Amino acid sequence: MTDGTIGTIVGFDLTVRDAPAVRDFYADVVGWKPEPLSMGDYDDYMMLTPDGTPVAGVCHAKAGNADLPPRWITYIAVGDLSVSMDRVTARGGEILRAPNGFGPGGFALVKDPAGAVLALMQNPYGDSSAPADRTAAR
């Protein structure tokens, strides 16, 4: 992950039906350490490197995420989410999920003209000088 500079990847999330099993898979296979992230009634998981650096999220396919496919979603920082949404449709892309907000950390799920899915996130730190200290968890 990067420091939130515009145009850089600021996180990855994987949303699945059995988050604990997938969490354990990645912990065993790649050595990530899971850290619970409260979503109210349940926990999603931030996945950390052995030194504690957040690298990804493993999320339950529940509530607002129930319709997400089980694939890694990349979050890319943009300077103005509203402007980027206009550009998505103007350039032949599709908005799959409307923004959940337009302030720092607000994000939308989009599909590019080739069909690839990604998330555009309003710069989560408000400027490019703040370090990335978490994944793009909701």
Protein backbone atom coordinates (compact mmCIF):
# COMPACT_ATOMS: atom_id res chain seq x y z
CA MET A 1 0.00 0.00 0.00
CA THR A 2 1.05 3.57 -0.46
CA ASP A 3 0.70 6.86 1.35
CA GLY A 4 -2.61 7.87 -0.27
CA THR A 5 -1.07 9.86 -3.11
CA ILE A 6 -3.61 10.50 -5.86
CA GLY A 7 -3.56 7.69 -8.43
CA THR A 8 -1.97 5.12 -6.14
CA ILE A 9 -3.35 1.90 -4.71
CA VAL A 10 -4.46 2.46 -1.12
CA GLY A 11 -5.85 -0.97 -0.31
CA PHE A 12 -7.32 -4.32 -1.30
CA ASP A 13 -10.44 -6.06 -0.03
CA LEU A 14 -11.79 -9.54 -0.61
CA THR A 15 -15.46 -10.09 0.25
CA VAL A 16 -16.54 -13.71 0.76
CA ARG A 17 -19.27 -15.78 2.40
CA ASP A 18 -16.90 -17.55 4.83
CA ALA A 19 -14.53 -14.78 5.90
CA PRO A 20 -12.97 -16.73 8.82
CA ALA A 21 -11.97 -19.63 6.55
CA VAL A 22 -10.50 -17.30 3.92
CA ARG A 23 -8.80 -15.23 6.64
CA ASP A 24 -7.16 -18.42 7.94
CA PHE A 25 -6.20 -19.49 4.40
CA TYR A 26 -4.24 -16.28 3.79
CA ALA A 27 -2.75 -16.32 7.29
CA ASP A 28 -1.37 -19.81 6.66
CA VAL A 29 -0.43 -19.49 2.98
CA VAL A 30 1.16 -16.01 2.88
CA GLY A 31 1.83 -15.31 6.56
CA TRP A 32 -0.62 -12.44 7.08
CA LYS A 33 -1.78 -11.76 10.63
CA PRO A 34 -5.52 -11.08 10.92
CA GLU A 35 -6.80 -8.23 13.05
CA PRO A 36 -10.55 -7.97 13.72
CA LEU A 37 -12.28 -4.82 12.45
CA SER A 38 -15.69 -4.32 14.03
CA MET A 39 -18.57 -3.85 11.62
CA GLY A 40 -21.11 -3.64 14.46
CA ASP A 41 -22.70 -7.10 14.61
CA TYR A 42 -19.64 -8.93 13.28
CA ASP A 43 -15.94 -8.50 12.51
CA ASP A 44 -14.25 -8.18 9.16
CA TYR A 45 -10.49 -8.60 9.15
CA MET A 46 -7.55 -6.38 8.37
CA MET A 47 -4.69 -8.54 7.18
CA LEU A 48 -1.27 -7.44 8.38
CA THR A 49 2.26 -8.39 7.40
CA PRO A 50 4.31 -10.07 10.14
CA ASP A 51 5.66 -6.61 11.11
CA GLY A 52 2.11 -5.26 11.52
CA THR A 53 1.74 -3.33 8.24
CA PRO A 54 -1.83 -3.48 6.89
CA VAL A 55 -1.96 -4.93 3.38
CA ALA A 56 -5.52 -6.07 2.73
CA GLY A 57 -8.98 -6.73 4.11
CA VAL A 58 -11.02 -9.93 4.21
CA CYS A 59 -14.69 -9.08 4.57
CA HIS A 60 -17.97 -10.91 5.09
CA ALA A 61 -20.46 -10.89 2.22
CA LYS A 62 -23.12 -9.36 4.48
CA ALA A 63 -25.27 -6.24 4.61
CA GLY A 64 -24.13 -3.75 1.97
CA ASN A 65 -21.50 -6.19 0.70
CA ALA A 66 -23.81 -9.16 0.20
CA ASP A 67 -23.86 -8.64 -3.57
CA LEU A 68 -20.09 -8.34 -4.07
CA PRO A 69 -18.42 -11.15 -6.00
CA PRO A 70 -15.63 -13.12 -4.31
CA ARG A 71 -12.73 -11.33 -6.00
CA TRP A 72 -10.03 -8.98 -4.85
CA ILE A 73 -11.06 -5.35 -5.22
CA THR A 74 -8.33 -2.76 -5.60
CA TYR A 75 -8.89 0.73 -4.14
CA ILE A 76 -7.25 3.64 -5.96
CA ALA A 77 -7.04 7.14 -4.44
CA VAL A 78 -8.61 9.99 -6.43
CA GLY A 79 -8.56 13.69 -5.67
CA ASP A 80 -12.28 14.32 -6.26
CA LEU A 81 -14.59 11.31 -6.24
CA SER A 82 -17.49 13.24 -7.76
CA VAL A 83 -15.38 14.32 -10.75
CA SER A 84 -14.01 10.80 -11.15
CA MET A 85 -17.55 9.35 -11.19
CA ASP A 86 -18.48 11.72 -14.02
CA ARG A 87 -15.38 10.65 -15.92
CA VAL A 88 -16.14 6.94 -15.44
CA THR A 89 -19.40 7.20 -17.35
CA ALA A 90 -18.08 9.73 -19.88
CA ARG A 91 -15.28 7.32 -20.79
CA GLY A 92 -17.51 4.26 -21.22
CA GLY A 93 -17.27 2.80 -17.72
CA GLU A 94 -20.08 1.87 -15.39
CA ILE A 95 -20.82 2.74 -11.78
CA LEU A 96 -21.63 -0.53 -10.00
CA ARG A 97 -22.11 0.96 -6.55
CA ALA A 98 -22.75 4.63 -5.90
CA PRO A 99 -20.31 6.43 -3.60
CA ASN A 100 -20.85 5.83 0.10
CA GLY A 101 -19.78 9.44 0.69
CA PHE A 102 -17.60 12.08 -0.90
CA GLY A 103 -15.27 13.00 1.95
CA PRO A 104 -11.92 11.36 2.70
CA GLY A 105 -12.38 7.58 2.50
CA GLY A 106 -15.62 7.71 0.51
CA PHE A 107 -15.54 5.17 -2.30
CA ALA A 108 -17.49 3.83 -5.25
CA LEU A 109 -17.26 0.54 -7.10
CA VAL A 110 -16.81 0.95 -10.86
CA LYS A 111 -16.26 -1.14 -13.96
CA ASP A 112 -13.90 0.05 -16.67
CA PRO A 113 -14.77 -0.30 -20.40
CA ALA A 114 -13.00 -3.70 -20.52
CA GLY A 115 -15.11 -5.02 -17.63
CA ALA A 116 -12.50 -4.87 -14.84
CA VAL A 117 -13.92 -3.92 -11.44
CA LEU A 118 -12.16 -1.56 -9.02
CA ALA A 119 -12.97 0.94 -6.30
CA LEU A 120 -12.20 4.64 -6.55
CA MET A 121 -11.64 6.21 -3.14
CA GLN A 122 -11.63 9.87 -2.23
CA ASN A 123 -8.10 10.35 -0.90
CA PRO A 124 -8.53 8.72 2.52
CA TYR A 125 -6.10 11.12 4.19
CA GLY A 126 -7.24 14.40 2.69
CA ASP A 127 -3.75 15.06 1.35
CA SER A 128 -0.85 12.99 0.06
CA SER A 129 1.36 13.48 3.12
CA ALA A 130 -0.41 11.20 5.60
CA PRO A 131 0.81 7.60 5.80
CA ALA A 132 -1.45 4.68 4.95
CA ASP A 133 -2.22 2.94 8.22
CA ARG A 134 -5.15 0.73 7.27
CA THR A 135 -6.81 -0.93 4.37
CA ALA A 136 -9.82 0.44 2.58
CA ALA A 137 -12.20 -1.07 5.05
CA ARG A 138 -15.69 0.33 5.14
